[in-house]
Amino acid sequence: MIVKKDNNTELKLPDFLIVGTARGGTTSLFHYLGQHPAIYFPRQKEPFFFNYMGRPTGTIGDSDFQEAIVSKLPDYLALFENAGENQLCGEGSTTYLYDYKTVIPNIKQLYGDRYKDLKIVAVLRNPAQRAFSHYMYFIRRNKEDLLFSDSLKPEVIQERLKLNPTYDYFGFGLYYEQIKAYKEEFPHFKVCLIEDMKTDTEAFTREMFRFLGLDPVPVDTAFAANPSGYPKNSLSKLFLKIYSGSKALRNVAGTLFPQGLKHKVLGRLLKKGAMSSDIHNSLIDAYEQDVLRLGELLGRDLSHWLKKK
């Protein structure tokens, strides 16, 4: 999308954004949509630009998070400079939904009058399952050493957010206000559920292409994204610790191996964790009112998210 600014400069900005949620299927969606020849994604899936637009980032999160942030406009524009003339540009930063109070004003500021032309997609997941998956993903990345129950304590969350802005496992799943804010501001806003994607992936991708104004194309849907879990053994733990701590190694893996193969290899090093029924049920209670309000907002029955063990 070409956006003209007051000084007569023209900015080539994304035509659509995937705004979240974290651990909700956005990497899979990114992979499916990226197979369409009329879509261009930058190599970096999550630039976090609208979270930190124009801000210094030297004190935000740990070094890995700081290196991932693209906060300067010229650097953000450079992500899309290789897009073809007739390609739609997109990116997907899962913090955009959670951090809506910052992101929406930044989008409106940069896009100006054209912000209503921007298409936005959110993919949601059962919030209790999402929270635990978020936790297990940080376990895999060697960024979590607390018990899940301890990581959910409000005082712990507030303290840890100073270390990494994505440590709020619980808050990322409070969808109602997040979705309501986007729904009120953007006419072209589509909300999907991860179960829609999993139930009939081909139908789901066809609908997504239609939403973006594109003719559907066949896509390879055999893709397991971002596996999470505990290391299977001491060797797996050692490898994952080295892999998580080495940006160079991750870059080499990303360059030499297709995304699907890389994720498959990582998955084989992990064993699934299980959330206790007590914690699961307490999360259901905590999320209940938010889920009910979200269901009314979307006109969808979300009662299956509130089933207890």
Foldseek 3Di string as FASTA:
>chain_A
DWAADPVRDTADDAQEEEADAVQFCVVLVCQFVCVDPQADEFPQQAQCAQVQAPHDQPQAADPVVSVSHDHYPVVNSVSCPPHDPRHGYYHYHNCCLLSVVRRVVSLCVVRPPCSQSRAYEYEAELLLVQLVQLQQLCQLLVNDDDDSVVLQDPVNQVVCCSNHVPSNSNSSRLRQVSVVSCVVPYVRYYYHYSVVCVVDVQVVQCVVCVSVVHHDDDGDSPADASDGAHFPDPVLVVVSNVCSVDPVNVVVCPVPDPRRVVNVVNNVRHDHDDDDLVSSLVSLVVCVVSQVSVCVVVVHDPCVSNDGD
